[in-house]
C-alpha atoms as a PDB file:
ATOM      1  CA  MET A   1      13.167   2.589  -2.219  1.00  0.00           C
ATOM      2  CA  ILE A   2      11.209   4.737  -4.662  1.00  0.00           C
ATOM      3  CA  ALA A   3       8.844   2.744  -6.883  1.00  0.00           C
ATOM      4  CA  LYS A   4       9.494   2.761 -10.628  1.00  0.00           C
ATOM      5  CA  THR A   5       6.130   3.699 -12.057  1.00  0.00           C
ATOM      6  CA  PRO A   6       5.102   3.994 -15.713  1.00  0.00           C
ATOM      7  CA  LYS A   7       4.164   7.187 -17.482  1.00  0.00           C
ATOM      8  CA  PRO A   8       0.893   8.582 -16.015  1.00  0.00           C
ATOM      9  CA  PRO A   9      -1.959   8.197 -15.710  1.00  0.00           C
ATOM     10  CA  TYR A  10      -2.031   5.507 -13.037  1.00  0.00           C
ATOM     11  CA  TYR A  11      -3.499   5.297  -9.535  1.00  0.00           C
ATOM     12  CA  VAL A  12      -2.141   5.472  -6.011  1.00  0.00           C
ATOM     13  CA  VAL A  13      -3.685   4.049  -2.843  1.00  0.00           C
ATOM     14  CA  ILE A  14      -2.483   6.044   0.163  1.00  0.00           C
ATOM     15  CA  PHE A  15      -2.796   4.152   3.443  1.00  0.00           C
ATOM     16  CA  SER A  16      -2.002   6.311   6.498  1.00  0.00           C
ATOM     17  CA  ASN A  17      -2.148   4.712   9.923  1.00  0.00           C
ATOM     18  CA  LEU A  18      -1.415   4.920  13.627  1.00  0.00           C
ATOM     19  CA  ARG A  19      -0.505   1.595  15.265  1.00  0.00           C
ATOM     20  CA  THR A  20      -1.506   0.053  18.568  1.00  0.00           C
ATOM     21  CA  ASP A  21       1.103  -1.604  20.792  1.00  0.00           C
ATOM     22  CA  ASP A  22       0.048  -5.059  19.541  1.00  0.00           C
ATOM     23  CA  ASP A  23       2.847  -6.396  17.308  1.00  0.00           C
ATOM     24  CA  GLU A  24       1.854 -10.078  17.271  1.00  0.00           C
ATOM     25  CA  ASN A  25       2.087 -11.331  13.657  1.00  0.00           C
ATOM     26  CA  TYR A  26       2.060  -7.764  12.300  1.00  0.00           C
ATOM     27  CA  SER A  27       5.422  -7.926  10.504  1.00  0.00           C
ATOM     28  CA  ASP A  28       4.728 -11.342   8.984  1.00  0.00           C
ATOM     29  CA  THR A  29       1.308 -10.228   7.786  1.00  0.00           C
ATOM     30  CA  SER A  30       2.661  -6.955   6.422  1.00  0.00           C
ATOM     31  CA  ASP A  31       5.409  -8.786   4.529  1.00  0.00           C
ATOM     32  CA  ARG A  32       2.853 -11.243   3.151  1.00  0.00           C
ATOM     33  CA  MET A  33       0.588  -8.422   1.955  1.00  0.00           C
ATOM     34  CA  LEU A  34       3.504  -6.742   0.144  1.00  0.00           C
ATOM     35  CA  GLU A  35       4.420 -10.066  -1.484  1.00  0.00           C
ATOM     36  CA  LEU A  36       0.826 -10.859  -2.418  1.00  0.00           C
ATOM     37  CA  ALA A  37       0.045  -7.362  -3.752  1.00  0.00           C
ATOM     38  CA  ALA A  38       3.064  -7.606  -6.069  1.00  0.00           C
ATOM     39  CA  GLN A  39       1.474 -10.699  -7.659  1.00  0.00           C
ATOM     40  CA  GLN A  40      -1.800  -8.947  -8.493  1.00  0.00           C
ATOM     41  CA  PRO A  41      -2.722  -7.821 -12.007  1.00  0.00           C
ATOM     42  CA  GLY A  42      -2.285  -4.074 -12.355  1.00  0.00           C
ATOM     43  CA  TYR A  43       0.181  -3.712  -9.473  1.00  0.00           C
ATOM     44  CA  LEU A  44       2.936  -1.186 -10.258  1.00  0.00           C
ATOM     45  CA  GLY A  45       4.916  -0.796  -7.033  1.00  0.00           C
ATOM     46  CA  VAL A  46       4.931   0.282  -3.407  1.00  0.00           C
ATOM     47  CA  GLU A  47       6.645   2.739  -1.086  1.00  0.00           C
ATOM     48  CA  HIS A  48       6.277   2.849   2.676  1.00  0.00           C
ATOM     49  CA  ALA A  49       7.635   4.639   5.706  1.00  0.00           C
ATOM     50  CA  ARG A  50       6.962   4.447   9.412  1.00  0.00           C
ATOM     51  CA  ASP A  51       7.691   6.644  12.366  1.00  0.00           C
ATOM     52  CA  GLU A  52       4.774   7.329  14.664  1.00  0.00           C
ATOM     53  CA  LEU A  53       2.664   7.708  11.523  1.00  0.00           C
ATOM     54  CA  GLY A  54       2.854   4.906   8.972  1.00  0.00           C
ATOM     55  CA  ILE A  55       2.267   5.644   5.303  1.00  0.00           C
ATOM     56  CA  THR A  56       2.105   3.117   2.480  1.00  0.00           C
ATOM     57  CA  LEU A  57       1.680   4.195  -1.133  1.00  0.00           C
ATOM     58  CA  SER A  58       0.739   1.432  -3.538  1.00  0.00           C
ATOM     59  CA  TYR A  59       0.577   2.140  -7.255  1.00  0.00           C
ATOM     60  CA  TRP A  60      -1.923   0.519  -9.614  1.00  0.00           C
ATOM     61  CA  ALA A  61      -2.707   0.597 -13.318  1.00  0.00           C
ATOM     62  CA  ASP A  62      -6.453   1.121 -12.875  1.00  0.00           C
ATOM     63  CA  LEU A  63      -9.355   1.236 -10.451  1.00  0.00           C
ATOM     64  CA  GLU A  64     -10.411  -2.331 -11.278  1.00  0.00           C
ATOM     65  CA  SER A  65      -7.017  -3.640 -10.105  1.00  0.00           C
ATOM     66  CA  ILE A  66      -7.441  -1.732  -6.827  1.00  0.00           C
ATOM     67  CA  ARG A  67     -10.931  -3.169  -6.367  1.00  0.00           C
ATOM     68  CA  MET A  68      -9.701  -6.706  -6.994  1.00  0.00           C
ATOM     69  CA  TRP A  69      -6.888  -6.264  -4.463  1.00  0.00           C
ATOM     70  CA  LYS A  70      -9.325  -4.905  -1.874  1.00  0.00           C
ATOM     71  CA  GLU A  71     -11.500  -8.011  -2.357  1.00  0.00           C
ATOM     72  CA  HIS A  72      -8.628 -10.540  -2.257  1.00  0.00           C
ATOM     73  CA  SER A  73      -9.463 -13.034   0.523  1.00  0.00           C
ATOM     74  CA  GLU A  74      -6.099 -12.807   2.354  1.00  0.00           C
ATOM     75  CA  HIS A  75      -6.171  -9.023   2.154  1.00  0.00           C
ATOM     76  CA  VAL A  76      -9.689  -8.995   3.630  1.00  0.00           C
ATOM     77  CA  LEU A  77      -8.468 -11.111   6.586  1.00  0.00           C
ATOM     78  CA  ALA A  78      -5.449  -8.838   7.112  1.00  0.00           C
ATOM     79  CA  ARG A  79      -7.653  -5.722   7.048  1.00  0.00           C
ATOM     80  CA  ASN A  80      -9.941  -7.272   9.655  1.00  0.00           C
ATOM     81  CA  MET A  81      -6.936  -8.013  11.889  1.00  0.00           C
ATOM     82  CA  GLY A  82      -5.763  -4.440  11.395  1.00  0.00           C
ATOM     83  CA  ARG A  83      -9.100  -3.083  12.566  1.00  0.00           C
ATOM     84  CA  SER A  84      -9.336  -5.387  15.562  1.00  0.00           C
ATOM     85  CA  ARG A  85      -5.679  -5.413  16.737  1.00  0.00           C
ATOM     86  CA  TRP A  86      -3.002  -3.416  14.951  1.00  0.00           C
ATOM     87  CA  TYR A  87      -4.389   0.051  14.184  1.00  0.00           C
ATOM     88  CA  LYS A  88      -5.698   2.809  16.405  1.00  0.00           C
ATOM     89  CA  GLN A  89      -6.649   4.802  13.344  1.00  0.00           C
ATOM     90  CA  PHE A  90      -6.221   4.618   9.590  1.00  0.00           C
ATOM     91  CA  MET A  91      -7.291   6.419   6.460  1.00  0.00           C
ATOM     92  CA  THR A  92      -7.233   5.102   2.894  1.00  0.00           C
ATOM     93  CA  ARG A  93      -7.269   7.505  -0.031  1.00  0.00           C
ATOM     94  CA  ILE A  94      -7.276   6.696  -3.741  1.00  0.00           C
ATOM     95  CA  ALA A  95      -6.077   9.191  -6.330  1.00  0.00           C
ATOM     96  CA  ARG A  96      -5.288   9.292 -10.018  1.00  0.00           C
ATOM     97  CA  VAL A  97      -1.732  10.379 -10.774  1.00  0.00           C
ATOM     98  CA  GLU A  98      -1.867  12.808 -13.691  1.00  0.00           C
ATOM     99  CA  ARG A  99       1.754  13.899 -13.716  1.00  0.00           C
ATOM    100  CA  ASP A 100       5.009  12.821 -12.133  1.00  0.00           C
ATOM    101  CA  TYR A 101       8.644  13.833 -12.356  1.00  0.00           C
ATOM    102  CA  GLY A 102      11.795  13.106 -10.415  1.00  0.00           C
ATOM    103  CA  PHE A 103      15.524  13.312 -10.025  1.00  0.00           C
ATOM    104  CA  GLU A 104      18.202  10.719  -9.470  1.00  0.00           C
ATOM    105  CA  LYS A 105      21.794  11.692  -8.809  1.00  0.00           C
ATOM    106  CA  GLU A 106      24.332   9.750 -10.830  1.00  0.00           C
ATOM    107  CA  THR A 107      26.810   7.905  -8.641  1.00  0.00           C
END
């Protein structure tokens, strides 16, 4: 599903990753992080896809909201588990969205 974001500017956190073979508790933790992020001030939406490469785009109103999410205690624990068990490699990028546009076919 494509996130419904407000008129720019807003911010996107791009989390690209390659997984290990360890799946223990990964899905539950991932679901919890999506649920918890949605409760945070400044959260605007999320999109994610996975094949060999996983990509999650989370949208935020401002940099302060991103910082607060990064420091959230459950998110810190999940990130530590990701480093120690679930990811072979990851990269996080933060960007300001200056312009967006789209298309939706009427059904």
